[in-house]
């Protein structure tokens, strides 16, 4: 079945914008609820995408959104918060999306989980993601679950963060420098979702989404610093000091760079369960290596970074 009417919950976020773009290119009509419509400006311009202001945590609203759709994609994820906030975003919402799909006979559900999602995991993030995934897997719907490692792309909050920090600090003190990650390109994640949408071979499957290469966090931080033009030594921060550092970051205004829960997540490697990773043929993925793509946007030359082109031409 060609699922042409798709609701994308969490479509206004970093990964969401790429998935929505890819769905529109695939010929879908996409509905994206946003807390504030102006936050999703970049999607309003897409020809077959409707952005509506809506509170997805309200059941009546969720019902209205799901009604008449042929498929639902749930991408909602938060990286920082309290136990209650994690549970609401990752576990409760997943259960409520499943319930709404069942009520409105929407069979197809694609769900964004995370590598390391585990109801018994070390962090609130991993436990709540694990609970949400379990709700989807028990739903009886035509579901597909994706578990990405850390996702890189022009607007990512990972490599960009390290690039910015390198501009400010002479050395980069990093907790969990030896934890391993397998970063996946945001365009590959989007491709996986769109290729799975109408493919019945993906029903009832859980897919890990990773890139072609495993790196330690130390290697990723050093790469981001170099690519941003500020090569810096990376030093490993011992666990006790790292927790203190994270606690202080949590107290600072705005979203923390690193929380104690992030540290808890980093007790486990964030890589595919089988190495070397071979992408499942039905997803039709060619894994994009990190360095060429990320070097472009970290250097400020990416077409998506404002004025990047002018700066490059002016040799600044």
Protein backbone atom coordinates (compact mmCIF):
# COMPACT_ATOMS: atom_id res chain seq x y z
CA UNK A 1 0.00 0.00 0.00
CA UNK A 2 1.22 3.49 -0.81
CA UNK A 3 0.87 5.54 2.38
CA UNK A 4 0.32 9.04 1.02
CA UNK A 5 -1.18 10.82 4.06
CA UNK A 6 1.44 10.84 6.81
CA UNK A 7 1.38 12.46 10.26
CA UNK A 8 4.90 13.23 11.51
CA UNK A 9 4.92 13.84 15.26
CA UNK A 10 8.14 15.66 16.12
CA UNK A 11 8.60 16.68 12.49
CA UNK A 12 9.85 20.16 13.36
CA UNK A 13 13.10 18.94 14.94
CA UNK A 14 16.57 18.43 13.48
CA UNK A 15 15.95 14.93 12.10
CA UNK A 16 12.27 15.63 11.44
CA UNK A 17 12.92 18.33 8.85
CA UNK A 18 14.96 15.87 6.75
CA UNK A 19 12.35 13.12 7.04
CA UNK A 20 9.53 15.53 6.12
CA UNK A 21 11.54 16.80 3.12
CA UNK A 22 12.15 13.24 1.96
CA UNK A 23 8.46 12.30 2.39
CA UNK A 24 7.36 15.30 0.32
CA UNK A 25 9.86 14.32 -2.39
CA UNK A 26 8.38 10.79 -2.21
CA UNK A 27 4.93 12.21 -3.05
CA UNK A 28 3.36 12.20 0.42
CA UNK A 29 1.04 14.74 1.97
CA UNK A 30 2.55 15.43 5.38
CA UNK A 31 0.95 16.87 8.51
CA UNK A 32 3.35 18.24 11.13
CA UNK A 33 2.09 19.41 14.52
CA UNK A 34 4.30 22.03 16.18
CA UNK A 35 4.12 23.68 19.59
CA UNK A 36 4.76 26.99 17.86
CA UNK A 37 4.10 27.22 14.14
CA UNK A 38 6.87 29.79 13.59
CA UNK A 39 9.41 27.26 14.92
CA UNK A 40 8.75 25.09 11.86
CA UNK A 41 9.04 27.87 9.28
CA UNK A 42 11.39 25.79 7.13
CA UNK A 43 8.61 23.21 6.59
CA UNK A 44 5.76 25.62 5.82
CA UNK A 45 7.30 26.33 2.40
CA UNK A 46 7.13 22.67 1.32
CA UNK A 47 4.31 22.17 -1.22
CA UNK A 48 2.53 19.18 0.33
CA UNK A 49 3.31 19.79 3.99
CA UNK A 50 0.85 21.31 6.47
CA UNK A 51 2.20 22.65 9.75
CA UNK A 52 -0.42 23.07 12.47
CA UNK A 53 -0.02 24.51 15.94
CA UNK A 54 -1.00 21.71 18.30
CA UNK A 55 -0.26 20.19 21.70
CA UNK A 56 0.52 16.54 20.99
CA UNK A 57 0.31 15.74 24.72
CA UNK A 58 -3.46 16.40 24.63
CA UNK A 59 -5.49 13.27 23.73
CA UNK A 60 -8.32 15.08 21.90
CA UNK A 61 -5.75 16.95 19.79
CA UNK A 62 -3.83 13.75 19.02
CA UNK A 63 -7.11 12.12 17.95
CA UNK A 64 -7.84 14.95 15.52
CA UNK A 65 -4.32 14.73 14.07
CA UNK A 66 -4.34 10.94 13.58
CA UNK A 67 -7.84 10.76 12.10
CA UNK A 68 -7.73 10.31 8.31
CA UNK A 69 -3.99 9.57 8.13
CA UNK A 70 -2.59 6.46 6.44
CA UNK A 71 0.61 6.32 8.46
CA UNK A 72 2.07 7.93 11.57
CA UNK A 73 5.76 8.61 12.25
CA UNK A 74 6.76 9.41 15.85
CA UNK A 75 10.13 11.17 16.13
CA UNK A 76 9.71 12.88 19.49
CA UNK A 77 12.82 12.82 21.63
CA UNK A 78 14.39 14.96 24.34
CA UNK A 79 18.00 14.76 25.58
CA UNK A 80 17.60 16.56 28.90
CA UNK A 81 14.94 16.60 31.58
CA UNK A 82 13.54 15.05 34.74
CA UNK A 83 12.40 11.43 35.02
CA UNK A 84 8.80 12.65 34.53
CA UNK A 85 9.68 14.70 31.43
CA UNK A 86 11.55 11.80 29.83
CA UNK A 87 8.66 9.43 30.55
CA UNK A 88 6.10 11.86 29.14
CA UNK A 89 8.06 12.50 25.91
CA UNK A 90 9.28 8.97 25.19
CA UNK A 91 7.04 6.43 26.95
CA UNK A 92 3.63 8.02 27.56
CA UNK A 93 3.50 9.70 24.14
CA UNK A 94 4.46 6.45 22.39
CA UNK A 95 1.61 4.65 24.21
CA UNK A 96 -0.85 7.43 23.35
CA UNK A 97 0.19 7.46 19.68
CA UNK A 98 -0.32 3.67 19.54
CA UNK A 99 -3.77 4.06 21.16
CA UNK A 100 -4.79 6.82 18.74
CA UNK A 101 -3.63 4.75 15.76
CA UNK A 102 -5.67 1.79 17.01
CA UNK A 103 -8.77 3.94 17.56
CA UNK A 104 -8.58 5.41 14.07
CA UNK A 105 -7.53 2.17 12.36
CA UNK A 106 -4.24 3.62 11.16
CA UNK A 107 -2.17 0.46 10.74
CA UNK A 108 1.23 1.87 9.78
CA UNK A 109 3.50 3.28 12.51
CA UNK A 110 7.19 4.16 12.21
CA UNK A 111 8.85 4.89 15.51
CA UNK A 112 12.15 6.59 16.33
CA UNK A 113 13.81 4.84 19.23
CA UNK A 114 17.54 5.03 20.02
CA UNK A 115 20.52 2.72 20.06
CA UNK A 116 20.80 1.59 23.67
CA UNK A 117 17.07 2.01 24.39
CA UNK A 118 16.40 -0.40 27.25
CA UNK A 119 13.73 -0.30 29.98
CA UNK A 120 16.47 -1.52 32.37
CA UNK A 121 19.17 0.82 31.00
CA UNK A 122 21.52 3.02 33.06
CA UNK A 123 19.96 6.40 32.12
CA UNK A 124 16.47 7.93 32.26
CA UNK A 125 16.81 8.65 28.54
CA UNK A 126 17.52 4.99 27.67
CA UNK A 127 14.87 3.62 30.05
CA UNK A 128 12.10 5.91 28.76
CA UNK A 129 13.10 5.21 25.14
CA UNK A 130 13.01 1.48 25.98
CA UNK A 131 9.50 1.76 27.44
CA UNK A 132 8.26 3.67 24.39
CA UNK A 133 9.75 1.08 22.05
CA UNK A 134 8.13 -1.75 24.04
CA UNK A 135 4.70 -0.08 23.69
CA UNK A 136 5.14 0.08 19.91
CA UNK A 137 6.32 -3.53 19.65
CA UNK A 138 3.34 -4.76 21.68
CA UNK A 139 0.84 -2.69 19.66
CA UNK A 140 -0.32 -5.21 17.07
CA UNK A 141 0.04 -2.46 14.41
CA UNK A 142 2.23 -2.63 11.29
CA UNK A 143 5.16 -1.05 13.09
CA UNK A 144 8.81 -0.47 12.29
CA UNK A 145 11.27 0.76 14.93
CA UNK A 146 14.54 2.57 14.19
CA UNK A 147 17.39 2.85 16.67
CA UNK A 148 20.00 5.36 15.48
CA UNK A 149 23.38 6.01 17.02
CA UNK A 150 24.25 9.70 17.31
CA UNK A 151 23.00 11.51 14.17
CA UNK A 152 25.20 14.09 12.41
CA UNK A 153 24.09 16.81 10.00
CA UNK A 154 24.33 20.55 9.41
CA UNK A 155 22.11 21.42 12.41
CA UNK A 156 23.26 18.64 14.75
CA UNK A 157 23.76 19.34 18.43
CA UNK A 158 26.75 17.04 18.70
CA UNK A 159 29.67 17.76 16.35
CA UNK A 160 28.63 21.43 16.12
CA UNK A 161 28.75 21.69 19.90
CA UNK A 162 32.32 20.37 20.04
CA UNK A 163 33.32 22.66 17.17
CA UNK A 164 31.96 25.67 19.10
CA UNK A 165 33.61 24.60 22.36
CA UNK A 166 36.96 24.27 20.59
CA UNK A 167 36.73 27.93 19.57
CA UNK A 168 36.41 28.89 23.24
CA UNK A 169 38.72 26.53 25.14
CA UNK A 170 42.46 25.78 24.78
CA UNK A 171 41.90 22.15 25.79
CA UNK A 172 38.73 20.06 25.66
CA UNK A 173 38.01 18.17 28.89
CA UNK A 174 35.59 15.40 27.95
CA UNK A 175 33.86 12.80 30.10
CA UNK A 176 33.71 9.26 28.72
CA UNK A 177 36.40 9.93 26.11
CA UNK A 178 36.70 6.19 25.37
CA UNK A 179 32.99 5.51 24.82
CA UNK A 180 32.41 4.37 21.25
CA UNK A 181 29.87 5.83 18.82
CA UNK A 182 28.91 5.03 15.23
CA UNK A 183 27.54 8.33 13.88
CA UNK A 184 24.94 8.13 11.11
CA UNK A 185 24.21 10.87 8.57
CA UNK A 186 20.81 12.53 8.95
CA UNK A 187 20.07 12.05 5.22
CA UNK A 188 20.63 8.29 5.61
CA UNK A 189 18.21 8.24 8.56
CA UNK A 190 15.61 10.07 6.46
CA UNK A 191 16.17 7.64 3.58
CA UNK A 192 15.65 4.66 5.90
CA UNK A 193 12.28 6.00 7.09
CA UNK A 194 11.01 6.80 3.58
CA UNK A 195 12.23 3.50 2.09
CA UNK A 196 10.56 1.58 4.92
CA UNK A 197 7.24 3.43 4.74
CA UNK A 198 5.52 1.34 2.03
CA UNK A 199 7.70 -1.76 2.32
CA UNK A 200 5.92 -4.64 4.04
CA UNK A 201 9.23 -6.45 4.54
CA UNK A 202 9.98 -3.85 7.24
CA UNK A 203 6.80 -4.48 9.27
CA UNK A 204 7.51 -5.76 12.77
CA UNK A 205 11.26 -5.10 12.47
CA UNK A 206 13.67 -3.19 14.68
CA UNK A 207 16.51 -1.58 12.72
CA UNK A 208 19.75 -0.18 14.07
CA UNK A 209 20.86 2.87 12.10
CA UNK A 210 24.58 3.59 12.19
CA UNK A 211 27.32 4.94 9.95
CA UNK A 212 30.17 2.97 8.40
CA UNK A 213 32.77 3.78 11.09
CA UNK A 214 33.14 3.36 14.87
CA UNK A 215 34.85 6.22 16.73
CA UNK A 216 35.67 6.93 20.36
CA UNK A 217 34.19 10.13 21.72
CA UNK A 218 37.76 11.46 21.97
CA UNK A 219 38.21 10.94 18.19
CA UNK A 220 34.89 12.63 17.41
CA UNK A 221 35.65 15.66 19.57
CA UNK A 222 39.17 16.00 18.09
CA UNK A 223 37.74 15.71 14.55
CA UNK A 224 35.05 18.36 15.19
CA UNK A 225 37.62 20.75 16.67
CA UNK A 226 39.99 20.24 13.71
CA UNK A 227 37.26 20.59 11.10
CA UNK A 228 35.99 23.79 12.75
CA UNK A 229 39.51 25.19 12.42
CA UNK A 230 40.46 24.94 16.11
CA UNK A 231 42.52 21.79 16.68
CA UNK A 232 42.66 21.12 20.43
CA UNK A 233 43.99 18.41 22.74
CA UNK A 234 41.19 16.29 24.25
CA UNK A 235 41.62 15.13 27.84
CA UNK A 236 39.51 12.55 29.63
CA UNK A 237 37.76 13.84 32.75
CA UNK A 238 37.53 11.30 35.62
CA UNK A 239 34.01 10.14 36.53
CA UNK A 240 33.62 12.07 39.81
CA UNK A 241 34.74 15.34 38.28
CA UNK A 242 32.58 14.71 35.19
CA UNK A 243 29.47 14.39 37.39
CA UNK A 244 30.32 17.63 39.15
CA UNK A 245 30.89 19.34 35.79
CA UNK A 246 27.54 18.02 34.49
CA UNK A 247 25.73 19.10 37.68
CA UNK A 248 27.07 22.65 37.22
CA UNK A 249 26.03 22.65 33.55
CA UNK A 250 22.51 21.61 34.58
CA UNK A 251 22.30 24.62 36.89
CA UNK A 252 23.30 27.10 34.17
CA UNK A 253 20.46 28.82 32.26
CA UNK A 254 19.36 27.34 28.93
CA UNK A 255 19.75 23.76 27.79
CA UNK A 256 22.78 22.05 29.37
CA UNK A 257 25.69 20.97 27.16
CA UNK A 258 25.97 17.83 29.24
CA UNK A 259 23.76 16.42 32.00
CA UNK A 260 24.32 13.66 34.53
CA UNK A 261 21.78 11.60 32.60
CA UNK A 262 23.90 11.96 29.43
CA UNK A 263 26.84 10.60 31.44
CA UNK A 264 24.68 7.67 32.57
CA UNK A 265 23.86 6.91 28.91
CA UNK A 266 27.58 6.86 28.15
CA UNK A 267 28.18 3.88 30.40
CA UNK A 268 27.55 1.79 27.30
CA UNK A 269 29.00 1.96 23.79
CA UNK A 270 26.61 3.42 21.23
CA UNK A 271 27.40 1.14 18.28
CA UNK A 272 25.60 -1.52 16.22
CA UNK A 273 25.24 -4.92 17.87
CA UNK A 274 26.99 -6.65 14.97
CA UNK A 275 30.30 -5.41 13.57
CA UNK A 276 31.08 -4.72 10.83
CA UNK A 277 27.57 -3.37 10.32
CA UNK A 278 25.84 -4.33 7.07
CA UNK A 279 22.70 -2.29 6.31
CA UNK A 280 19.61 -4.45 5.70
CA UNK A 281 19.02 -4.65 1.93
CA UNK A 282 15.33 -3.68 2.18
CA UNK A 283 16.29 -0.20 3.50
CA UNK A 284 18.44 0.42 0.39
CA UNK A 285 21.05 2.45 2.28
CA UNK A 286 24.54 3.37 1.16
CA UNK A 287 26.19 4.46 4.36
CA UNK A 288 27.63 7.96 4.11
CA UNK A 289 31.01 8.49 5.79
CA UNK A 290 31.15 11.29 8.34
CA UNK A 291 34.30 13.23 7.46
CA UNK A 292 33.46 14.68 4.01
CA UNK A 293 29.93 15.78 5.03
CA UNK A 294 30.69 17.04 8.52
CA UNK A 295 33.90 18.82 7.47
CA UNK A 296 31.82 21.03 5.19
CA UNK A 297 29.34 22.30 7.75
CA UNK A 298 31.85 22.44 10.62
CA UNK A 299 33.99 24.73 8.47
CA UNK A 300 30.95 26.97 7.98
CA UNK A 301 30.83 26.26 4.25
CA UNK A 302 27.73 24.11 4.23
CA UNK A 303 24.96 25.33 1.90
CA UNK A 304 22.61 25.20 4.89
CA UNK A 305 24.69 27.54 7.05
CA UNK A 306 23.69 31.14 6.45
CA UNK A 307 26.16 33.28 4.48
CA UNK A 308 28.51 30.27 4.24
CA UNK A 309 28.87 30.78 0.51
CA UNK A 310 29.63 34.51 0.83
CA UNK A 311 32.26 33.86 3.49
CA UNK A 312 33.97 31.27 1.34
CA UNK A 313 34.00 33.50 -1.72
CA UNK A 314 35.28 36.47 0.30
CA UNK A 315 38.04 34.14 1.63
CA UNK A 316 37.04 34.96 5.19
